[in-house]
Amino acid sequence: MKRKTRLRIKLLAMWLLPASGFFALYVVPLLWTFRYSFASSAFDGGQAGFHNYVYIWTNEYFLLGLRNLLKTGLTCCLPAFALSLLLSVLMIRHEAAAAFALVVLFLPLLIPSVCAAELWKKVYKIDVLTPPGTALMALFTLFLWKCTGPAAIVLYAALRKLEKEVLEAAMLDGCGEARLTFGMRLPLIRRECALSLVLLLLYHLRFYKDVYLLYGLYPPKEMYLVQHYMNNQYLKMNAQYVSAAGASLACLCLGLFILALFVTGRREKKC
């Protein structure tokens, strides 16, 4: 067997292993969720058509959770991206402290969520009577502390691969630090910026665990997310509503992701 043929077989095997795992652990459960979202109940095999979707999209708590999910996403992800960009630029300018900064930024992911939630409860004195502003601030600071690090690491790696000669030539021509960052660095790493934003959005969708640890099963109205609605419906054994809500959320996220890719692609063509 030729060397190129063996190499192709090895590459195919390396590709099939993660692809089969992704298909078995993500695609199949997602397709099963879509199928089950049309069931009439969890105890019979009847079909309800689009009744489950009509029910959840006319339910005030599902709409409240979806609205709060979008609001907290904008409130948390955009400042986290700005902070991660600032940290990555600072690490580029101070390479000597970059190694220590990378360890500090990655450390929050290693701390258990229970410990972080208990600390935040004591700092912000969270209980049933916590004001909405304090509750939102606790969620905001916890998200920044926990999720800014990975995005900053991605942006730092992208900035490091830029050619220093080009940046030094721009500085010699009188280009200031602000113009250098927003006029040269950011356009050159726009794909990595999009990746860091997607990463922050994924962390935000997974942040329900931390919200649950902070506020419990029935949080303040401003902190009620779609995941709370899904969890409450699951406890009531309304698995069809849980599946419909999960399928709706998946379609919404996929639509926003495709829209972002379409807008990015059009801008690259114009450039």
C-alpha atoms as a PDB file:
ATOM      1  CA  MET A   1       0.000   0.000   0.000  1.00  0.00           C
ATOM      2  CA  LYS A   2       1.359   3.378  -0.987  1.00  0.00           C
ATOM      3  CA  ARG A   3       2.309   5.924   1.583  1.00  0.00           C
ATOM      4  CA  LYS A   4      -0.251   8.482   0.341  1.00  0.00           C
ATOM      5  CA  THR A   5      -3.024   5.883   0.504  1.00  0.00           C
ATOM      6  CA  ARG A   6      -2.138   4.985   4.099  1.00  0.00           C
ATOM      7  CA  LEU A   7      -2.069   8.660   5.012  1.00  0.00           C
ATOM      8  CA  ARG A   8      -5.512   9.202   3.465  1.00  0.00           C
ATOM      9  CA  ILE A   9      -6.899   6.216   5.383  1.00  0.00           C
ATOM     10  CA  LYS A  10      -5.493   7.571   8.653  1.00  0.00           C
ATOM     11  CA  LEU A  11      -6.914  11.026   7.992  1.00  0.00           C
ATOM     12  CA  LEU A  12     -10.288   9.506   7.128  1.00  0.00           C
ATOM     13  CA  ALA A  13     -10.260   7.461  10.348  1.00  0.00           C
ATOM     14  CA  MET A  14      -9.321  10.543  12.376  1.00  0.00           C
ATOM     15  CA  TRP A  15     -12.208  12.436  10.781  1.00  0.00           C
ATOM     16  CA  LEU A  16     -14.762   9.635  11.178  1.00  0.00           C
ATOM     17  CA  LEU A  17     -14.198   9.220  14.917  1.00  0.00           C
ATOM     18  CA  PRO A  18     -15.181  12.780  15.995  1.00  0.00           C
ATOM     19  CA  ALA A  19     -17.829  12.992  13.259  1.00  0.00           C
ATOM     20  CA  SER A  20     -19.516   9.790  14.438  1.00  0.00           C
ATOM     21  CA  GLY A  21     -19.361  10.960  18.044  1.00  0.00           C
ATOM     22  CA  PHE A  22     -20.916  14.325  17.129  1.00  0.00           C
ATOM     23  CA  PHE A  23     -23.628  12.588  15.115  1.00  0.00           C
ATOM     24  CA  ALA A  24     -24.433  10.108  17.905  1.00  0.00           C
ATOM     25  CA  LEU A  25     -24.328  12.573  20.802  1.00  0.00           C
ATOM     26  CA  TYR A  26     -25.776  15.714  19.208  1.00  0.00           C
ATOM     27  CA  VAL A  27     -27.469  15.170  15.863  1.00  0.00           C
ATOM     28  CA  VAL A  28     -29.481  12.062  16.794  1.00  0.00           C
ATOM     29  CA  PRO A  29     -30.787  13.498  20.115  1.00  0.00           C
ATOM     30  CA  LEU A  30     -31.662  16.750  18.345  1.00  0.00           C
ATOM     31  CA  LEU A  31     -33.607  14.914  15.634  1.00  0.00           C
ATOM     32  CA  TRP A  32     -35.364  12.842  18.300  1.00  0.00           C
ATOM     33  CA  THR A  33     -36.259  16.050  20.137  1.00  0.00           C
ATOM     34  CA  PHE A  34     -37.811  17.482  16.970  1.00  0.00           C
ATOM     35  CA  ARG A  35     -39.781  14.260  16.475  1.00  0.00           C
ATOM     36  CA  TYR A  36     -41.000  14.187  20.066  1.00  0.00           C
ATOM     37  CA  SER A  37     -42.018  17.868  19.969  1.00  0.00           C
ATOM     38  CA  PHE A  38     -45.021  16.852  17.844  1.00  0.00           C
ATOM     39  CA  ALA A  39     -46.240  14.214  20.338  1.00  0.00           C
ATOM     40  CA  SER A  40     -49.473  14.754  22.246  1.00  0.00           C
ATOM     41  CA  SER A  41     -48.072  13.647  25.637  1.00  0.00           C
ATOM     42  CA  ALA A  42     -45.345  11.636  27.294  1.00  0.00           C
ATOM     43  CA  PHE A  43     -47.584   8.603  27.822  1.00  0.00           C
ATOM     44  CA  ASP A  44     -48.988   7.813  24.394  1.00  0.00           C
ATOM     45  CA  GLY A  45     -47.813   7.783  20.810  1.00  0.00           C
ATOM     46  CA  GLY A  46     -50.389  10.262  19.501  1.00  0.00           C
ATOM     47  CA  GLN A  47     -49.455  13.220  17.368  1.00  0.00           C
ATOM     48  CA  ALA A  48     -50.473  16.768  18.226  1.00  0.00           C
ATOM     49  CA  GLY A  49     -49.165  18.501  15.105  1.00  0.00           C
ATOM     50  CA  PHE A  50     -48.058  22.075  15.819  1.00  0.00           C
ATOM     51  CA  HIS A  51     -50.227  22.370  18.933  1.00  0.00           C
ATOM     52  CA  ASN A  52     -47.197  22.194  21.249  1.00  0.00           C
ATOM     53  CA  TYR A  53     -45.461  25.011  19.392  1.00  0.00           C
ATOM     54  CA  VAL A  54     -48.599  27.149  19.439  1.00  0.00           C
ATOM     55  CA  TYR A  55     -48.943  26.494  23.162  1.00  0.00           C
ATOM     56  CA  ILE A  56     -45.420  27.541  24.122  1.00  0.00           C
ATOM     57  CA  TRP A  57     -45.290  30.562  21.795  1.00  0.00           C
ATOM     58  CA  THR A  58     -48.502  31.861  23.364  1.00  0.00           C
ATOM     59  CA  ASN A  59     -47.348  31.084  26.911  1.00  0.00           C
ATOM     60  CA  GLU A  60     -46.380  34.185  28.881  1.00  0.00           C
ATOM     61  CA  TYR A  61     -43.659  32.423  30.862  1.00  0.00           C
ATOM     62  CA  PHE A  62     -41.932  31.022  27.784  1.00  0.00           C
ATOM     63  CA  LEU A  63     -41.986  34.465  26.154  1.00  0.00           C
ATOM     64  CA  LEU A  64     -40.731  36.020  29.410  1.00  0.00           C
ATOM     65  CA  GLY A  65     -37.874  33.533  29.577  1.00  0.00           C
ATOM     66  CA  LEU A  66     -36.976  34.102  25.914  1.00  0.00           C
ATOM     67  CA  ARG A  67     -37.049  37.875  26.368  1.00  0.00           C
ATOM     68  CA  ASN A  68     -34.850  37.676  29.470  1.00  0.00           C
ATOM     69  CA  LEU A  69     -32.471  35.292  27.693  1.00  0.00           C
ATOM     70  CA  LEU A  70     -31.975  37.778  24.854  1.00  0.00           C
ATOM     71  CA  LYS A  71     -31.709  40.720  27.267  1.00  0.00           C
ATOM     72  CA  THR A  72     -29.128  39.078  29.504  1.00  0.00           C
ATOM     73  CA  GLY A  73     -27.265  37.872  26.405  1.00  0.00           C
ATOM     74  CA  LEU A  74     -26.851  41.425  25.119  1.00  0.00           C
ATOM     75  CA  THR A  75     -26.106  42.732  28.614  1.00  0.00           C
ATOM     76  CA  CYS A  76     -23.425  40.125  29.312  1.00  0.00           C
ATOM     77  CA  CYS A  77     -21.871  39.083  25.977  1.00  0.00           C
ATOM     78  CA  LEU A  78     -21.118  42.498  24.463  1.00  0.00           C
ATOM     79  CA  PRO A  79     -19.326  43.921  27.558  1.00  0.00           C
ATOM     80  CA  ALA A  80     -17.514  40.590  27.968  1.00  0.00           C
ATOM     81  CA  PHE A  81     -16.290  40.826  24.373  1.00  0.00           C
ATOM     82  CA  ALA A  82     -15.108  44.417  24.883  1.00  0.00           C
ATOM     83  CA  LEU A  83     -13.305  43.415  28.093  1.00  0.00           C
ATOM     84  CA  SER A  84     -11.703  40.372  26.440  1.00  0.00           C
ATOM     85  CA  LEU A  85     -10.478  42.572  23.579  1.00  0.00           C
ATOM     86  CA  LEU A  86      -8.975  45.035  26.048  1.00  0.00           C
ATOM     87  CA  LEU A  87      -7.251  42.237  27.969  1.00  0.00           C
ATOM     88  CA  SER A  88      -5.845  40.687  24.790  1.00  0.00           C
ATOM     89  CA  VAL A  89      -4.392  44.044  23.665  1.00  0.00           C
ATOM     90  CA  LEU A  90      -2.849  44.570  27.110  1.00  0.00           C
ATOM     91  CA  MET A  91      -1.267  41.109  26.990  1.00  0.00           C
ATOM     92  CA  ILE A  92       0.184  41.868  23.562  1.00  0.00           C
ATOM     93  CA  ARG A  93       1.691  45.105  24.852  1.00  0.00           C
ATOM     94  CA  HIS A  94       3.080  43.417  28.011  1.00  0.00           C
ATOM     95  CA  GLU A  95       4.390  40.062  26.802  1.00  0.00           C
ATOM     96  CA  ALA A  96       6.337  39.498  30.035  1.00  0.00           C
ATOM     97  CA  ALA A  97       3.127  39.233  32.072  1.00  0.00           C
ATOM     98  CA  ALA A  98       1.136  37.410  29.367  1.00  0.00           C
ATOM     99  CA  ALA A  99       1.908  33.903  30.665  1.00  0.00           C
ATOM    100  CA  PHE A 100       0.713  34.774  34.180  1.00  0.00           C
ATOM    101  CA  ALA A 101      -2.351  36.526  32.758  1.00  0.00           C
ATOM    102  CA  LEU A 102      -3.307  33.456  30.704  1.00  0.00           C
ATOM    103  CA  VAL A 103      -3.275  31.300  33.831  1.00  0.00           C
ATOM    104  CA  VAL A 104      -5.398  33.829  35.737  1.00  0.00           C
ATOM    105  CA  LEU A 105      -7.897  34.106  32.858  1.00  0.00           C
ATOM    106  CA  PHE A 106      -8.256  30.335  32.543  1.00  0.00           C
ATOM    107  CA  LEU A 107      -8.540  29.719  36.293  1.00  0.00           C
ATOM    108  CA  PRO A 108     -12.287  30.607  36.681  1.00  0.00           C
ATOM    109  CA  LEU A 109     -13.227  27.691  34.425  1.00  0.00           C
ATOM    110  CA  LEU A 110     -11.546  25.289  36.861  1.00  0.00           C
ATOM    111  CA  ILE A 111     -13.395  26.576  39.939  1.00  0.00           C
ATOM    112  CA  PRO A 112     -16.646  24.659  40.619  1.00  0.00           C
ATOM    113  CA  SER A 113     -19.807  26.634  39.906  1.00  0.00           C
ATOM    114  CA  VAL A 114     -21.179  25.817  43.367  1.00  0.00           C
ATOM    115  CA  CYS A 115     -18.243  27.543  45.078  1.00  0.00           C
ATOM    116  CA  ALA A 116     -18.499  30.610  42.843  1.00  0.00           C
ATOM    117  CA  ALA A 117     -22.284  30.826  43.355  1.00  0.00           C
ATOM    118  CA  GLU A 118     -21.948  30.615  47.135  1.00  0.00           C
ATOM    119  CA  LEU A 119     -19.350  33.383  47.118  1.00  0.00           C
ATOM    120  CA  TRP A 120     -21.552  35.602  44.931  1.00  0.00           C
ATOM    121  CA  LYS A 121     -24.525  34.945  47.236  1.00  0.00           C
ATOM    122  CA  LYS A 122     -22.582  36.221  50.219  1.00  0.00           C
ATOM    123  CA  VAL A 123     -21.127  39.218  48.390  1.00  0.00           C
ATOM    124  CA  TYR A 124     -24.466  40.406  46.930  1.00  0.00           C
ATOM    125  CA  LYS A 125     -26.623  39.023  49.800  1.00  0.00           C
ATOM    126  CA  ILE A 126     -28.939  37.218  47.390  1.00  0.00           C
ATOM    127  CA  ASP A 127     -32.249  35.968  48.762  1.00  0.00           C
ATOM    128  CA  VAL A 128     -35.940  36.030  47.860  1.00  0.00           C
ATOM    129  CA  LEU A 129     -36.162  39.806  48.401  1.00  0.00           C
ATOM    130  CA  THR A 130     -33.110  40.721  46.300  1.00  0.00           C
ATOM    131  CA  PRO A 131     -33.804  43.851  44.177  1.00  0.00           C
ATOM    132  CA  PRO A 132     -33.808  43.281  40.380  1.00  0.00           C
ATOM    133  CA  GLY A 133     -30.837  45.595  39.865  1.00  0.00           C
ATOM    134  CA  THR A 134     -28.706  43.714  42.381  1.00  0.00           C
ATOM    135  CA  ALA A 135     -29.726  40.362  40.873  1.00  0.00           C
ATOM    136  CA  LEU A 136     -28.764  41.497  37.380  1.00  0.00           C
ATOM    137  CA  MET A 137     -25.457  42.920  38.621  1.00  0.00           C
ATOM    138  CA  ALA A 138     -24.606  39.621  40.327  1.00  0.00           C
ATOM    139  CA  LEU A 139     -25.306  37.716  37.117  1.00  0.00           C
ATOM    140  CA  PHE A 140     -23.354  40.255  35.052  1.00  0.00           C
ATOM    141  CA  THR A 141     -20.219  40.187  37.219  1.00  0.00           C
ATOM    142  CA  LEU A 142     -20.265  36.388  37.505  1.00  0.00           C
ATOM    143  CA  PHE A 143     -20.480  36.046  33.720  1.00  0.00           C
ATOM    144  CA  LEU A 144     -17.625  38.500  33.192  1.00  0.00           C
ATOM    145  CA  TRP A 145     -15.445  36.755  35.752  1.00  0.00           C
ATOM    146  CA  LYS A 146     -16.092  33.265  34.425  1.00  0.00           C
ATOM    147  CA  CYS A 147     -16.428  33.646  30.645  1.00  0.00           C
ATOM    148  CA  THR A 148     -14.202  36.545  29.614  1.00  0.00           C
ATOM    149  CA  GLY A 149     -11.025  34.491  29.922  1.00  0.00           C
ATOM    150  CA  PRO A 150     -11.544  32.022  27.026  1.00  0.00           C
ATOM    151  CA  ALA A 151     -12.581  34.818  24.634  1.00  0.00           C
ATOM    152  CA  ALA A 152      -9.528  36.866  25.638  1.00  0.00           C
ATOM    153  CA  ILE A 153      -7.260  33.867  25.033  1.00  0.00           C
ATOM    154  CA  VAL A 154      -8.704  33.393  21.521  1.00  0.00           C
ATOM    155  CA  LEU A 155      -8.179  37.078  20.681  1.00  0.00           C
ATOM    156  CA  TYR A 156      -4.683  37.057  22.175  1.00  0.00           C
ATOM    157  CA  ALA A 157      -3.684  34.078  20.013  1.00  0.00           C
ATOM    158  CA  ALA A 158      -5.074  35.876  16.953  1.00  0.00           C
ATOM    159  CA  LEU A 159      -3.195  39.082  17.731  1.00  0.00           C
ATOM    160  CA  ARG A 160       0.074  37.218  18.250  1.00  0.00           C
ATOM    161  CA  LYS A 161       0.043  35.806  14.715  1.00  0.00           C
ATOM    162  CA  LEU A 162      -0.130  39.275  13.144  1.00  0.00           C
ATOM    163  CA  GLU A 163       3.068  40.414  11.451  1.00  0.00           C
ATOM    164  CA  LYS A 164       4.901  42.794  13.757  1.00  0.00           C
ATOM    165  CA  GLU A 165       6.685  44.489  10.859  1.00  0.00           C
ATOM    166  CA  VAL A 166       3.395  45.820   9.460  1.00  0.00           C
ATOM    167  CA  LEU A 167       2.302  47.158  12.855  1.00  0.00           C
ATOM    168  CA  GLU A 168       5.702  48.719  13.522  1.00  0.00           C
ATOM    169  CA  ALA A 169       5.647  50.395  10.102  1.00  0.00           C
ATOM    170  CA  ALA A 170       2.213  51.832  10.875  1.00  0.00           C
ATOM    171  CA  MET A 171       3.461  53.171  14.210  1.00  0.00           C
ATOM    172  CA  LEU A 172       6.433  54.799  12.482  1.00  0.00           C
ATOM    173  CA  ASP A 173       3.992  56.514  10.106  1.00  0.00           C
ATOM    174  CA  GLY A 174       2.328  58.143  13.102  1.00  0.00           C
ATOM    175  CA  CYS A 175      -0.499  55.679  13.713  1.00  0.00           C
ATOM    176  CA  GLY A 176      -1.686  55.926  17.307  1.00  0.00           C
ATOM    177  CA  GLU A 177      -2.595  53.001  19.558  1.00  0.00           C
ATOM    178  CA  ALA A 178      -6.345  53.486  19.158  1.00  0.00           C
ATOM    179  CA  ARG A 179      -6.153  53.733  15.378  1.00  0.00           C
ATOM    180  CA  LEU A 180      -3.744  50.813  15.278  1.00  0.00           C
ATOM    181  CA  THR A 181      -6.181  48.657  17.228  1.00  0.00           C
ATOM    182  CA  PHE A 182      -9.432  49.612  15.530  1.00  0.00           C
ATOM    183  CA  GLY A 183      -8.043  50.368  12.080  1.00  0.00           C
ATOM    184  CA  MET A 184      -5.618  47.464  11.600  1.00  0.00           C
ATOM    185  CA  ARG A 185      -5.744  44.812  14.298  1.00  0.00           C
ATOM    186  CA  LEU A 186      -9.495  44.300  14.483  1.00  0.00           C
ATOM    187  CA  PRO A 187     -10.077  44.101  10.686  1.00  0.00           C
ATOM    188  CA  LEU A 188      -7.264  41.548  10.413  1.00  0.00           C
ATOM    189  CA  ILE A 189      -8.742  39.303  13.127  1.00  0.00           C
ATOM    190  CA  ARG A 190     -12.457  39.744  12.382  1.00  0.00           C
ATOM    191  CA  ARG A 191     -12.926  35.970  12.063  1.00  0.00           C
ATOM    192  CA  GLU A 192     -11.409  35.385  15.490  1.00  0.00           C
ATOM    193  CA  CYS A 193     -13.617  38.177  16.849  1.00  0.00           C
ATOM    194  CA  ALA A 194     -16.659  36.374  15.447  1.00  0.00           C
ATOM    195  CA  LEU A 195     -15.397  33.122  17.010  1.00  0.00           C
ATOM    196  CA  SER A 196     -15.010  34.748  20.421  1.00  0.00           C
ATOM    197  CA  LEU A 197     -18.541  36.184  20.196  1.00  0.00           C
ATOM    198  CA  VAL A 198     -19.928  32.754  19.313  1.00  0.00           C
ATOM    199  CA  LEU A 199     -17.983  31.314  22.240  1.00  0.00           C
ATOM    200  CA  LEU A 200     -19.486  33.879  24.611  1.00  0.00           C
ATOM    201  CA  LEU A 201     -22.984  33.165  23.294  1.00  0.00           C
ATOM    202  CA  LEU A 202     -22.482  29.436  23.861  1.00  0.00           C
ATOM    203  CA  TYR A 203     -21.306  30.118  27.407  1.00  0.00           C
ATOM    204  CA  HIS A 204     -24.366  32.278  27.947  1.00  0.00           C
ATOM    205  CA  LEU A 205     -26.696  29.483  26.829  1.00  0.00           C
ATOM    206  CA  ARG A 206     -24.957  27.189  29.323  1.00  0.00           C
ATOM    207  CA  PHE A 207     -25.097  29.789  32.106  1.00  0.00           C
ATOM    208  CA  TYR A 208     -28.460  28.488  33.372  1.00  0.00           C
ATOM    209  CA  LYS A 209     -26.611  26.267  35.840  1.00  0.00           C
ATOM    210  CA  ASP A 210     -25.065  29.288  37.539  1.00  0.00           C
ATOM    211  CA  VAL A 211     -28.380  31.180  37.506  1.00  0.00           C
ATOM    212  CA  TYR A 212     -30.061  28.156  39.092  1.00  0.00           C
ATOM    213  CA  LEU A 213     -27.388  27.977  41.796  1.00  0.00           C
ATOM    214  CA  LEU A 214     -27.823  31.686  42.525  1.00  0.00           C
ATOM    215  CA  TYR A 215     -31.617  32.004  42.543  1.00  0.00           C
ATOM    216  CA  GLY A 216     -33.025  28.485  42.722  1.00  0.00           C
ATOM    217  CA  LEU A 217     -35.923  26.955  40.820  1.00  0.00           C
ATOM    218  CA  TYR A 218     -38.113  30.075  40.947  1.00  0.00           C
ATOM    219  CA  PRO A 219     -35.878  33.126  40.445  1.00  0.00           C
ATOM    220  CA  PRO A 220     -36.887  36.809  40.299  1.00  0.00           C
ATOM    221  CA  LYS A 221     -38.955  37.743  37.290  1.00  0.00           C
ATOM    222  CA  GLU A 222     -36.001  39.503  35.665  1.00  0.00           C
ATOM    223  CA  MET A 223     -33.854  36.337  35.939  1.00  0.00           C
ATOM    224  CA  TYR A 224     -36.446  33.854  34.645  1.00  0.00           C
ATOM    225  CA  LEU A 225     -34.931  32.209  31.535  1.00  0.00           C
ATOM    226  CA  VAL A 226     -36.204  29.768  28.932  1.00  0.00           C
ATOM    227  CA  GLN A 227     -34.299  27.016  30.709  1.00  0.00           C
ATOM    228  CA  HIS A 228     -36.366  27.647  33.849  1.00  0.00           C
ATOM    229  CA  TYR A 229     -39.532  27.151  31.842  1.00  0.00           C
ATOM    230  CA  MET A 230     -38.174  23.944  30.314  1.00  0.00           C
ATOM    231  CA  ASN A 231     -37.075  22.605  33.682  1.00  0.00           C
ATOM    232  CA  ASN A 232     -40.455  23.360  35.289  1.00  0.00           C
ATOM    233  CA  GLN A 233     -42.291  21.661  32.420  1.00  0.00           C
ATOM    234  CA  TYR A 234     -39.999  18.656  32.765  1.00  0.00           C
ATOM    235  CA  LEU A 235     -40.840  18.372  36.466  1.00  0.00           C
ATOM    236  CA  LYS A 236     -44.516  18.391  35.461  1.00  0.00           C
ATOM    237  CA  MET A 237     -43.728  15.530  33.019  1.00  0.00           C
ATOM    238  CA  ASN A 238     -44.727  17.666  30.030  1.00  0.00           C
ATOM    239  CA  ALA A 239     -41.889  16.359  27.914  1.00  0.00           C
ATOM    240  CA  GLN A 240     -43.627  17.422  24.696  1.00  0.00           C
ATOM    241  CA  TYR A 241     -43.476  21.084  25.762  1.00  0.00           C
ATOM    242  CA  VAL A 242     -39.836  20.683  26.788  1.00  0.00           C
ATOM    243  CA  SER A 243     -39.031  19.251  23.352  1.00  0.00           C
ATOM    244  CA  ALA A 244     -40.954  22.002  21.562  1.00  0.00           C
ATOM    245  CA  ALA A 245     -39.166  24.691  23.583  1.00  0.00           C
ATOM    246  CA  GLY A 246     -35.772  23.086  22.968  1.00  0.00           C
ATOM    247  CA  ALA A 247     -36.452  22.744  19.237  1.00  0.00           C
ATOM    248  CA  SER A 248     -37.632  26.365  19.034  1.00  0.00           C
ATOM    249  CA  LEU A 249     -34.535  27.598  20.861  1.00  0.00           C
ATOM    250  CA  ALA A 250     -32.270  25.511  18.605  1.00  0.00           C
ATOM    251  CA  CYS A 251     -33.927  26.887  15.446  1.00  0.00           C
ATOM    252  CA  LEU A 252     -33.669  30.448  16.772  1.00  0.00           C
ATOM    253  CA  CYS A 253     -29.962  30.097  17.566  1.00  0.00           C
ATOM    254  CA  LEU A 254     -29.284  28.416  14.217  1.00  0.00           C
ATOM    255  CA  GLY A 255     -31.143  31.186  12.372  1.00  0.00           C
ATOM    256  CA  LEU A 256     -29.154  33.902  14.147  1.00  0.00           C
ATOM    257  CA  PHE A 257     -25.908  32.058  13.407  1.00  0.00           C
ATOM    258  CA  ILE A 258     -26.744  31.717   9.695  1.00  0.00           C
ATOM    259  CA  LEU A 259     -27.735  35.392   9.562  1.00  0.00           C
ATOM    260  CA  ALA A 260     -24.399  36.380  11.117  1.00  0.00           C
ATOM    261  CA  LEU A 261     -22.505  34.240   8.589  1.00  0.00           C
ATOM    262  CA  PHE A 262     -24.501  35.777   5.735  1.00  0.00           C
ATOM    263  CA  VAL A 263     -23.769  39.334   6.884  1.00  0.00           C
ATOM    264  CA  THR A 264     -20.077  38.535   7.417  1.00  0.00           C
ATOM    265  CA  GLY A 265     -19.840  36.909   3.988  1.00  0.00           C
ATOM    266  CA  ARG A 266     -21.388  39.915   2.263  1.00  0.00           C
ATOM    267  CA  ARG A 267     -18.966  42.285   3.985  1.00  0.00           C
ATOM    268  CA  GLU A 268     -15.991  40.152   2.937  1.00  0.00           C
ATOM    269  CA  LYS A 269     -17.199  40.195  -0.694  1.00  0.00           C
ATOM    270  CA  LYS A 270     -17.489  43.975  -0.628  1.00  0.00           C
ATOM    271  CA  CYS A 271     -13.983  44.233   0.744  1.00  0.00           C
END
